[in-house]
Protein backbone atom coordinates (compact mmCIF):
# COMPACT_ATOMS: atom_id res chain seq x y z
CA UNK A 1 35.36 37.88 52.09
CA UNK A 2 37.93 35.29 50.98
CA UNK A 3 40.43 36.61 53.54
CA UNK A 4 37.81 36.41 56.28
CA UNK A 5 37.08 32.78 55.36
CA UNK A 6 40.77 31.96 55.47
CA UNK A 7 41.13 33.60 58.89
CA UNK A 8 38.10 31.73 60.23
CA UNK A 9 39.42 28.45 58.86
CA UNK A 10 42.78 29.05 60.51
CA UNK A 11 41.09 29.86 63.83
CA UNK A 12 39.00 26.68 63.63
CA UNK A 13 42.09 24.61 62.86
CA UNK A 14 43.96 26.11 65.82
CA UNK A 15 40.97 25.39 68.05
CA UNK A 16 40.82 21.83 66.79
CA UNK A 17 44.53 21.27 67.37
CA UNK A 18 44.19 22.74 70.86
CA UNK A 19 41.19 20.54 71.66
CA UNK A 20 42.51 17.48 69.86
CA UNK A 21 45.80 17.24 71.68
CA UNK A 22 46.19 16.67 75.39
CA UNK A 23 43.18 14.40 75.75
CA UNK A 24 42.33 10.76 75.05
CA UNK A 25 38.55 11.25 74.94
CA UNK A 26 36.84 11.61 71.61
CA UNK A 27 34.65 14.61 70.80
CA UNK A 28 31.05 13.75 69.97
CA UNK A 29 30.45 15.94 66.93
CA UNK A 30 33.27 17.41 64.84
CA UNK A 31 34.20 18.00 61.21
CA UNK A 32 37.53 18.93 59.64
CA UNK A 33 37.37 19.90 55.96
CA UNK A 34 40.34 19.76 53.59
CA UNK A 35 40.79 20.18 49.84
CA UNK A 36 42.76 17.81 47.60
CA UNK A 37 43.36 16.63 44.04
CA UNK A 38 43.89 13.19 42.52
CA UNK A 39 44.43 11.71 39.08
CA UNK A 40 42.24 8.69 38.34
CA UNK A 41 42.34 6.90 34.98
CA UNK A 42 44.36 9.78 33.56
CA UNK A 43 41.94 12.55 34.63
CA UNK A 44 42.90 14.99 37.38
CA UNK A 45 40.11 16.43 39.52
CA UNK A 46 39.58 18.16 42.86
CA UNK A 47 37.73 16.70 45.83
CA UNK A 48 36.74 17.63 49.36
CA UNK A 49 37.51 15.45 52.36
CA UNK A 50 35.60 15.61 55.64
CA UNK A 51 37.08 13.78 58.61
CA UNK A 52 34.86 13.94 61.65
CA UNK A 53 32.66 12.36 64.27
CA UNK A 54 28.89 12.11 64.49
CA UNK A 55 27.03 10.99 67.64
CA UNK A 56 25.02 7.90 68.42
CA UNK A 57 22.12 9.08 70.59
CA UNK A 58 20.10 7.25 73.19
CA UNK A 59 16.30 7.37 73.39
CA UNK A 60 16.51 10.71 75.24
CA UNK A 61 18.66 12.33 72.58
CA UNK A 62 21.85 12.19 74.65
CA UNK A 63 25.10 11.21 72.89
CA UNK A 64 26.28 7.84 74.24
CA UNK A 65 28.88 7.10 71.55
CA UNK A 66 30.45 8.77 68.56
CA UNK A 67 31.26 7.36 65.14
CA UNK A 68 34.30 8.55 63.25
CA UNK A 69 33.98 8.81 59.48
CA UNK A 70 35.91 10.08 56.45
CA UNK A 71 33.80 11.41 53.59
CA UNK A 72 35.05 12.22 50.10
CA UNK A 73 33.11 14.27 47.55
CA UNK A 74 34.31 15.03 44.05
CA UNK A 75 34.16 18.77 43.39
CA UNK A 76 32.44 20.37 40.41
CA UNK A 77 29.54 17.90 40.15
CA UNK A 78 26.49 19.78 38.85
CA UNK A 79 23.81 17.13 39.44
CA UNK A 80 24.74 15.68 42.82
CA UNK A 81 21.31 14.07 43.13
CA UNK A 82 22.43 11.63 40.40
CA UNK A 83 25.88 11.08 41.91
CA UNK A 84 26.24 7.63 43.56
CA UNK A 85 27.19 7.45 47.26
CA UNK A 86 29.21 4.43 48.42
CA UNK A 87 29.12 3.63 52.16
CA UNK A 88 32.11 1.51 53.18
CA UNK A 89 32.63 -0.79 56.18
CA UNK A 90 35.36 -3.23 57.11
CA UNK A 91 35.02 -6.22 59.36
CA UNK A 92 36.44 -7.89 62.43
CA UNK A 93 33.79 -7.21 63.83
CA UNK A 94 36.24 -4.98 65.71
CA UNK A 95 38.13 -3.64 62.71
CA UNK A 96 38.33 -0.03 61.57
CA UNK A 97 37.59 1.03 57.99
CA UNK A 98 41.30 1.59 57.33
CA UNK A 99 41.78 -1.38 55.00
CA UNK A 100 39.55 -0.44 52.08
CA UNK A 101 40.01 3.26 52.86
CA UNK A 102 43.73 3.52 52.07
CA UNK A 103 44.27 0.33 50.07
CA UNK A 104 41.27 -0.11 47.78
CA UNK A 105 38.64 2.45 46.80
CA UNK A 106 39.81 5.73 48.37
CA UNK A 107 41.77 8.57 46.72
CA UNK A 108 44.93 7.82 48.70
CA UNK A 109 46.90 4.58 48.78
CA UNK A 110 49.41 3.25 51.27
CA UNK A 111 52.88 2.48 49.95
CA UNK A 112 53.41 -1.27 49.56
CA UNK A 113 55.03 -3.37 46.85
CA UNK A 114 53.05 -4.71 43.90
CA UNK A 115 52.18 -7.94 45.75
CA UNK A 116 51.09 -6.20 48.97
CA UNK A 117 54.17 -6.49 51.19
CA UNK A 118 55.46 -3.66 53.44
CA UNK A 119 58.13 -1.29 52.18
CA UNK A 120 60.01 1.57 53.80
CA UNK A 121 59.84 4.48 54.00
CA UNK A 122 56.17 4.16 54.94
CA UNK A 123 53.75 6.60 53.44
CA UNK A 124 50.77 7.52 51.29
CA UNK A 125 50.45 8.22 47.58
CA UNK A 126 47.67 8.94 45.11
CA UNK A 127 45.39 6.06 44.14
CA UNK A 128 45.04 6.11 40.34
CA UNK A 129 42.37 3.38 40.51
CA UNK A 130 40.02 4.94 43.11
CA UNK A 131 36.30 4.89 42.36
CA UNK A 132 36.03 8.54 43.45
CA UNK A 133 35.82 9.44 39.78
CA UNK A 134 32.34 7.85 39.57
CA UNK A 135 31.04 7.92 43.17
CA UNK A 136 31.43 9.77 46.46
CA UNK A 137 32.56 7.59 49.36
CA UNK A 138 32.19 7.58 53.14
CA UNK A 139 34.29 5.25 55.31
CA UNK A 140 32.66 4.44 58.65
CA UNK A 141 34.34 3.17 61.83
CA UNK A 142 31.81 1.38 64.09
CA UNK A 143 32.00 1.91 67.86
CA UNK A 144 35.44 1.24 69.40
CA UNK A 145 37.12 0.89 65.99
CA UNK A 146 39.21 3.61 64.38
CA UNK A 147 38.62 6.82 66.36
CA UNK A 148 35.03 5.85 67.30
CA UNK A 149 34.32 5.49 71.01
CA UNK A 150 31.64 4.97 73.65
CA UNK A 151 31.16 8.35 75.38
CA UNK A 152 28.92 7.37 78.27
CA UNK A 153 30.72 4.90 80.56
CA UNK A 154 27.31 3.74 81.80
CA UNK A 155 26.06 2.93 78.29
CA UNK A 156 24.90 -0.62 77.71
CA UNK A 157 27.60 -2.28 75.55
CA UNK A 158 25.01 -4.68 74.16
CA UNK A 159 23.60 -1.72 72.21
CA UNK A 160 26.69 -1.90 70.00
CA UNK A 161 28.42 -5.27 70.22
CA UNK A 162 26.30 -7.86 68.48
CA UNK A 163 25.20 -8.77 64.98
CA UNK A 164 21.75 -7.21 65.18
CA UNK A 165 22.61 -4.39 67.59
CA UNK A 166 25.44 -3.30 65.27
CA UNK A 167 23.06 -3.20 62.30
CA UNK A 168 20.37 -1.30 64.19
CA UNK A 169 22.44 1.60 65.53
CA UNK A 170 24.45 1.97 62.30
CA UNK A 171 21.25 2.21 60.24
CA UNK A 172 20.05 5.02 62.49
CA UNK A 173 23.45 6.71 62.24
CA UNK A 174 23.40 6.50 58.44
CA UNK A 175 19.97 8.11 58.36
CA UNK A 176 21.44 11.13 60.15
CA UNK A 177 24.57 11.21 58.01
CA UNK A 178 22.68 11.07 54.72
CA UNK A 179 20.38 13.81 55.96
CA UNK A 180 23.25 16.07 57.08
CA UNK A 181 25.04 15.68 53.76
CA UNK A 182 21.82 16.09 51.74
CA UNK A 183 22.29 12.78 49.92
CA UNK A 184 18.77 11.34 50.13
CA UNK A 185 18.16 11.58 46.34
CA UNK A 186 21.50 9.93 45.47
CA UNK A 187 21.79 6.28 44.34
CA UNK A 188 23.30 4.46 47.33
CA UNK A 189 25.63 1.50 47.67
CA UNK A 190 26.96 -0.45 50.62
CA UNK A 191 30.33 -2.18 50.45
CA UNK A 192 31.59 -4.39 53.26
CA UNK A 193 34.61 -6.61 53.70
CA UNK A 194 34.80 -9.78 55.81
CA UNK A 195 32.52 -9.26 58.84
CA UNK A 196 31.56 -6.06 57.07
CA UNK A 197 29.64 -8.31 54.64
CA UNK A 198 27.53 -9.55 57.55
CA UNK A 199 27.00 -5.92 58.52
CA UNK A 200 25.98 -4.60 55.11
CA UNK A 201 23.79 -7.63 54.32
CA UNK A 202 21.78 -6.90 57.45
CA UNK A 203 21.86 -3.15 56.85
CA UNK A 204 20.29 -3.56 53.40
CA UNK A 205 17.03 -4.76 54.96
CA UNK A 206 17.25 -2.62 58.11
CA UNK A 207 17.72 0.55 56.07
CA UNK A 208 14.69 -0.33 53.95
CA UNK A 209 12.37 -1.43 56.75
CA UNK A 210 13.38 0.91 59.59
CA UNK A 211 14.88 3.95 57.86
CA UNK A 212 13.00 3.75 54.51
CA UNK A 213 16.30 4.10 52.67
CA UNK A 214 16.55 2.00 49.50
CA UNK A 215 19.78 0.92 47.83
CA UNK A 216 20.97 0.25 44.31
CA UNK A 217 23.72 -2.16 45.25
CA UNK A 218 25.50 -4.15 47.94
CA UNK A 219 29.11 -5.27 47.43
CA UNK A 220 30.37 -8.22 49.48
CA UNK A 221 34.17 -8.36 49.62
CA UNK A 222 35.44 -11.69 51.00
CA UNK A 223 32.08 -12.54 52.57
CA UNK A 224 31.46 -14.48 55.77
CA UNK A 225 28.86 -17.28 55.94
CA UNK A 226 26.13 -14.61 56.42
CA UNK A 227 24.37 -16.80 58.96
CA UNK A 228 23.62 -19.50 56.38
CA UNK A 229 23.85 -23.03 57.80
CA UNK A 230 26.69 -25.21 56.44
CA UNK A 231 27.81 -27.50 59.24
CA UNK A 232 29.01 -31.11 59.06
CA UNK A 233 29.91 -32.57 55.66
CA UNK A 234 29.14 -29.32 53.80
CA UNK A 235 31.61 -27.35 55.90
CA UNK A 236 34.30 -30.01 55.52
CA UNK A 237 33.90 -30.33 51.75
CA UNK A 238 33.58 -26.71 50.67
CA UNK A 239 37.17 -25.92 51.71
CA UNK A 240 38.70 -28.11 49.01
CA UNK A 241 38.74 -25.68 46.05
CA UNK A 242 40.57 -23.17 48.27
CA UNK A 243 43.09 -25.87 49.19
CA UNK A 244 43.62 -26.58 45.50
CA UNK A 245 44.12 -22.89 44.67
CA UNK A 246 46.69 -22.49 47.45
CA UNK A 247 48.57 -25.63 46.48
CA UNK A 248 48.60 -24.44 42.85
CA UNK A 249 50.13 -21.10 43.89
CA UNK A 250 52.92 -22.90 45.79
CA UNK A 251 53.56 -25.38 42.94
CA UNK A 252 52.48 -28.28 45.15
CA UNK A 253 50.04 -29.97 42.76
CA UNK A 254 50.73 -32.82 40.32
CA UNK A 255 51.94 -31.83 36.85
CA UNK A 256 48.58 -32.35 35.10
CA UNK A 257 47.01 -29.69 37.33
CA UNK A 258 50.01 -27.46 37.82
CA UNK A 259 50.47 -26.91 34.10
CA UNK A 260 46.91 -25.56 33.80
CA UNK A 261 46.01 -21.96 34.56
CA UNK A 262 44.39 -21.49 37.98
CA UNK A 263 40.94 -20.61 36.69
CA UNK A 264 41.03 -23.46 34.18
CA UNK A 265 41.87 -25.96 36.92
CA UNK A 266 39.42 -24.87 39.64
CA UNK A 267 36.13 -25.92 37.94
CA UNK A 268 37.39 -29.52 37.97
CA UNK A 269 38.02 -29.30 41.72
CA UNK A 270 34.66 -27.64 42.33
CA UNK A 271 32.88 -30.46 40.48
CA UNK A 272 34.76 -33.08 42.51
CA UNK A 273 33.85 -31.24 45.72
CA UNK A 274 30.12 -31.17 45.06
CA UNK A 275 29.66 -34.46 43.21
CA UNK A 276 32.08 -36.81 44.98
CA UNK A 277 33.66 -35.36 48.12
CA UNK A 278 30.51 -34.04 49.77
CA UNK A 279 28.58 -37.32 49.42
CA UNK A 280 31.61 -39.32 50.57
CA UNK A 281 32.05 -37.28 53.75
CA UNK A 282 28.30 -37.50 54.42
CA UNK A 283 28.52 -41.31 54.28
CA UNK A 284 31.17 -41.32 57.05
CA UNK A 285 31.90 -44.75 58.45
CA UNK A 286 29.61 -46.47 55.95
CA UNK A 287 32.22 -45.94 53.23
CA UNK A 288 34.16 -49.10 52.45
CA UNK A 289 37.93 -49.00 52.89
CA UNK A 290 38.36 -49.05 49.12
CA UNK A 291 35.89 -46.20 48.58
CA UNK A 292 37.58 -44.16 51.28
CA UNK A 293 41.00 -44.78 49.73
CA UNK A 294 39.78 -43.72 46.29
CA UNK A 295 38.31 -40.49 47.63
CA UNK A 296 41.44 -39.78 49.69
CA UNK A 297 43.60 -40.27 46.60
CA UNK A 298 41.60 -37.64 44.72
CA UNK A 299 41.67 -35.30 47.72
CA UNK A 300 45.45 -35.63 47.77
CA UNK A 301 45.63 -35.03 44.03
CA UNK A 302 43.72 -31.74 44.39
CA UNK A 303 45.34 -30.41 47.57
CA UNK A 304 49.07 -31.12 47.65
CA UNK A 305 48.62 -33.15 50.85
CA UNK A 306 49.51 -36.82 51.16
CA UNK A 307 46.88 -39.54 50.90
CA UNK A 308 48.15 -41.00 54.18
CA UNK A 309 47.61 -37.75 56.10
CA UNK A 310 44.11 -37.37 54.70
CA UNK A 311 43.19 -40.92 55.73
CA UNK A 312 44.65 -40.35 59.20
CA UNK A 313 42.21 -37.44 59.55
CA UNK A 314 39.19 -39.39 58.27
CA UNK A 315 38.88 -37.11 55.21
CA UNK A 316 38.50 -34.06 57.49
CA UNK A 317 41.38 -31.62 57.01
CA UNK A 318 40.83 -28.43 58.99
CA UNK A 319 42.07 -25.15 57.60
CA UNK A 320 44.51 -24.60 60.47
CA UNK A 321 46.09 -28.00 59.84
CA UNK A 322 46.29 -27.31 56.09
CA UNK A 323 48.16 -24.03 56.70
CA UNK A 324 50.68 -25.96 58.79
CA UNK A 325 50.92 -29.11 56.66
CA UNK A 326 51.11 -27.96 53.04
CA UNK A 327 54.71 -26.70 53.13
CA UNK A 328 55.81 -28.46 56.32
CA UNK A 329 58.65 -30.29 54.58
CA UNK A 330 59.97 -26.95 53.29
CA UNK A 331 59.91 -25.41 56.78
CA UNK A 332 57.14 -22.87 56.16
CA UNK A 333 53.51 -22.26 57.01
CA UNK A 334 51.03 -20.43 54.78
CA UNK A 335 48.84 -17.48 55.74
CA UNK A 336 45.23 -17.74 56.83
CA UNK A 337 43.75 -14.65 55.17
CA UNK A 338 46.13 -14.82 52.23
CA UNK A 339 47.92 -18.08 51.59
CA UNK A 340 50.54 -16.47 49.38
CA UNK A 341 52.26 -15.28 52.59
CA UNK A 342 54.79 -17.55 54.30
CA UNK A 343 55.55 -17.90 58.00
CA UNK A 344 58.29 -19.57 60.06
CA UNK A 345 57.27 -21.48 63.19
CA UNK A 346 59.29 -22.37 66.28
CA UNK A 347 59.10 -26.01 65.22
CA UNK A 348 57.92 -27.74 62.07
CA UNK A 349 55.82 -30.20 64.05
CA UNK A 350 52.37 -29.36 65.33
CA UNK A 351 48.77 -28.88 64.21
CA UNK A 352 48.58 -25.16 63.42
CA UNK A 353 50.83 -22.18 62.64
CA UNK A 354 52.27 -20.10 65.48
CA UNK A 355 50.98 -16.83 64.00
CA UNK A 356 49.13 -15.31 61.05
CA UNK A 357 51.92 -14.39 58.64
CA UNK A 358 49.70 -12.24 56.44
CA UNK A 359 48.07 -10.21 59.23
CA UNK A 360 51.42 -9.37 60.79
CA UNK A 361 52.59 -8.11 57.41
CA UNK A 362 49.48 -5.99 56.91
CA UNK A 363 49.64 -4.37 60.35
CA UNK A 364 53.27 -3.57 59.60
CA UNK A 365 52.30 -1.43 56.60
CA UNK A 366 48.85 -0.05 57.49
CA UNK A 367 49.46 1.27 61.01
CA UNK A 368 52.05 3.95 60.19
CA UNK A 369 50.23 4.90 56.99
CA UNK A 370 46.80 5.59 58.52
CA UNK A 371 48.22 7.51 61.48
CA UNK A 372 50.35 9.63 59.16
CA UNK A 373 47.48 10.23 56.76
CA UNK A 374 44.94 11.53 59.26
CA UNK A 375 47.39 13.89 60.91
CA UNK A 376 49.31 15.21 57.92
CA UNK A 377 46.86 15.17 55.01
CA UNK A 378 43.43 15.38 56.64
CA UNK A 379 44.55 17.63 59.54
CA UNK A 380 42.77 15.39 62.02
CA UNK A 381 44.72 16.10 65.20
CA UNK A 382 44.00 13.95 68.24
CA UNK A 383 45.65 11.90 70.99
CA UNK A 384 42.91 9.29 70.68
CA UNK A 385 44.43 6.07 69.37
CA UNK A 386 43.30 4.79 65.98
CA UNK A 387 42.12 1.24 66.66
CA UNK A 388 42.87 -1.01 63.72
CA UNK A 389 41.32 -3.66 65.98
CA UNK A 390 39.26 -2.42 68.92
CA UNK A 391 37.69 -3.99 72.05
CA UNK A 392 34.21 -5.14 71.00
CA UNK A 393 33.93 -8.45 72.78
CA UNK A 394 31.89 -10.30 73.85
CA UNK A 395 30.10 -10.04 70.51
CA UNK A 396 26.56 -11.46 70.38
CA UNK A 397 26.39 -13.54 67.19
CA UNK A 398 22.93 -15.02 67.89
CA UNK A 399 20.08 -14.72 65.40
CA UNK A 400 22.32 -14.01 62.44
CA UNK A 401 19.96 -14.08 59.46
CA UNK A 402 21.87 -11.52 57.44
CA UNK A 403 22.15 -13.58 54.25
CA UNK A 404 18.41 -14.16 54.13
CA UNK A 405 17.85 -10.52 55.09
CA UNK A 406 19.83 -9.45 52.04
CA UNK A 407 17.72 -11.75 49.87
CA UNK A 408 14.57 -10.22 51.36
CA UNK A 409 15.87 -6.71 50.68
CA UNK A 410 16.49 -7.71 47.05
CA UNK A 411 13.03 -9.22 46.75
CA UNK A 412 11.44 -6.04 48.11
CA UNK A 413 13.55 -3.72 45.97
CA UNK A 414 13.83 -4.55 42.25
CA UNK A 415 16.63 -1.95 41.92
CA UNK A 416 18.91 -3.78 44.36
CA UNK A 417 21.85 -5.78 42.92
CA UNK A 418 24.67 -7.70 44.67
CA UNK A 419 28.32 -8.09 43.68
CA UNK A 420 30.63 -10.59 45.41
CA UNK A 421 34.41 -10.13 45.22
CA UNK A 422 36.63 -12.95 46.51
CA UNK A 423 40.31 -13.85 46.47
CA UNK A 424 41.17 -17.41 45.54
CA UNK A 425 43.85 -17.59 48.26
CA UNK A 426 41.63 -16.45 51.14
CA UNK A 427 41.43 -19.25 53.71
CA UNK A 428 39.22 -17.44 56.23
CA UNK A 429 36.33 -16.48 53.92
CA UNK A 430 37.09 -18.69 50.95
CA UNK A 431 35.76 -18.06 47.46
CA UNK A 432 33.81 -21.34 47.11
CA UNK A 433 31.91 -20.66 50.33
CA UNK A 434 31.09 -17.24 48.88
CA UNK A 435 29.55 -18.96 45.86
CA UNK A 436 27.65 -21.29 48.21
CA UNK A 437 26.19 -18.21 49.92
CA UNK A 438 24.63 -17.07 46.65
CA UNK A 439 23.18 -20.53 45.97
CA UNK A 440 21.58 -20.78 49.42
CA UNK A 441 20.38 -17.18 49.62
CA UNK A 442 18.46 -17.65 46.40
CA UNK A 443 17.55 -21.35 46.01
CA UNK A 444 14.83 -20.50 43.49
CA UNK A 445 17.33 -18.74 41.22
CA UNK A 446 14.90 -15.86 40.67
CA UNK A 447 17.49 -13.26 41.73
CA UNK A 448 20.33 -14.76 39.70
CA UNK A 449 20.28 -11.98 37.12
CA UNK A 450 20.95 -9.43 39.89
CA UNK A 451 24.00 -11.14 41.41
CA UNK A 452 27.58 -11.23 40.17
CA UNK A 453 30.68 -13.10 41.39
CA UNK A 454 34.24 -11.99 40.66
CA UNK A 455 37.38 -13.91 41.67
CA UNK A 456 40.92 -12.54 42.03
CA UNK A 457 44.41 -14.06 42.27
CA UNK A 458 45.11 -12.91 45.81
CA UNK A 459 43.64 -13.31 49.27
CA UNK A 460 41.18 -11.77 51.72
CA UNK A 461 42.22 -8.22 50.80
CA UNK A 462 42.60 -8.96 47.12
CA UNK A 463 43.24 -5.29 46.34
CA UNK A 464 46.69 -5.42 47.98
CA UNK A 465 47.99 -6.99 44.80
CA UNK A 466 48.40 -4.17 42.30
CA UNK A 467 46.90 -6.02 39.35
CA UNK A 468 43.83 -6.96 41.38
CA UNK A 469 43.55 -3.44 42.79
CA UNK A 470 43.09 -2.12 39.28
CA UNK A 471 40.79 -4.92 38.15
CA UNK A 472 38.60 -4.93 41.27
CA UNK A 473 38.04 -1.16 41.16
CA UNK A 474 37.12 -1.44 37.49
CA UNK A 475 34.65 -4.18 38.42
CA UNK A 476 33.10 -1.77 40.93
CA UNK A 477 32.76 0.91 38.25
CA UNK A 478 31.06 -1.58 35.95
CA UNK A 479 28.73 -2.70 38.74
CA UNK A 480 27.74 0.87 39.61
CA UNK A 481 27.17 1.79 35.97
CA UNK A 482 24.92 -1.18 35.26
CA UNK A 483 22.85 -0.75 38.44
CA UNK A 484 21.93 2.87 37.77
CA UNK A 485 18.50 2.60 36.12
CA UNK A 486 17.61 4.80 33.20
CA UNK A 487 15.74 7.96 34.03
CA UNK A 488 12.09 7.17 34.65
CA UNK A 489 12.59 3.38 34.71
CA UNK A 490 10.30 2.11 37.50
CA UNK A 491 11.34 -0.32 40.23
CA UNK A 492 8.86 -3.08 39.53
CA UNK A 493 8.60 -6.69 38.44
CA UNK A 494 6.97 -7.66 35.17
CA UNK A 495 5.82 -11.04 33.86
CA UNK A 496 7.28 -11.90 30.50
CA UNK A 497 4.64 -12.56 27.81
């Protein structure tokens, strides 16, 4: 019997290789199964990987698109009904799930240096910090990202490319996936990064209300604004703690701040932002010259920029100008998604950097690694291009209520908890705006005991720094452990006596 299974497996692999090569169209429904081992936290164990595609159907049951996924299950688990399932999305909105897949939570890790920079030879190694020891994981590539594609050229693109459309079809897809893998009884978690936080915040409510699937946790990694209003003075002020963190990293702050540890210094800047800077910007032209000068002096003190430049910009320093200005005299720009990265522009003058230094570095290391990994370790053979960033525009961003939807999902489901993970040097989805999200999602404070915020000394993908990779995964383990209710503990609210 074992020999027959081996022969059948070999035949299926040959068929897959034959079908996978020589075509650039994705197959609607496929699965390739491979067996592996990994050592996590000193314990070696076996796991099964499934790399495949699963259709998106229209109202008539015809496949109009297919979603590529990679699913990892730890072997030897006796009570799988109690085993957590983590469903992972990245952002963009046109980005594949590659980033967290091979750099954060998965069992394999791309080869980079300890601070996240590319190294050669490129490759993949075991991830000793993966959360696969405590939870099974599926990485999902939305339509036109990764290997996922629209199959019907006549399909309406608006069914996929918009905030609410994206949430709707992915919720339906997850219903099918969970059913196929027999994971309905399992505790379930969503984790999203960047625009993926918009996605999973909306999915939390959509899964409950349209698919009747309830979650134990949602993890927001480097969250967007989640549709929460913050224009005008609020938007201009909330950037300042990020500016201070970046200036601290580059030793651009005055001695009294520079000699403090980062996390000791930031609360002072946060207090200034909310108590002085925000009201000052709101007053606009009604500020006296002396008041404006005093505020500008403090802004300069906390940012590494000159008081003169801040006054020239009427106290409104955009992020793109900050990335160009902070190290201008040294001939460098700083990265948008991770301000630890340096860039070199054609000229030192100007209002914004020529390119995103950090993203160029990341694409340098991730692209060869993910293509190698699928072909050589997961036996996923295809001529379809893996889209790290795919064509998903125009993207309909109207009616984005995802932050409030997540709050509503929490209100409806007493089991549901939220964890936010942010890098202090992320200038696109900065950590202080992530805190602001939590304040505005829950102005009553009634859900405060079910939300956690964790900060890390890196940027948008904080896990690229080895120390934060270990810490952030441990934070996920802690979050999962504390959000698994005791057996028989009901999901209900009680009034304290």
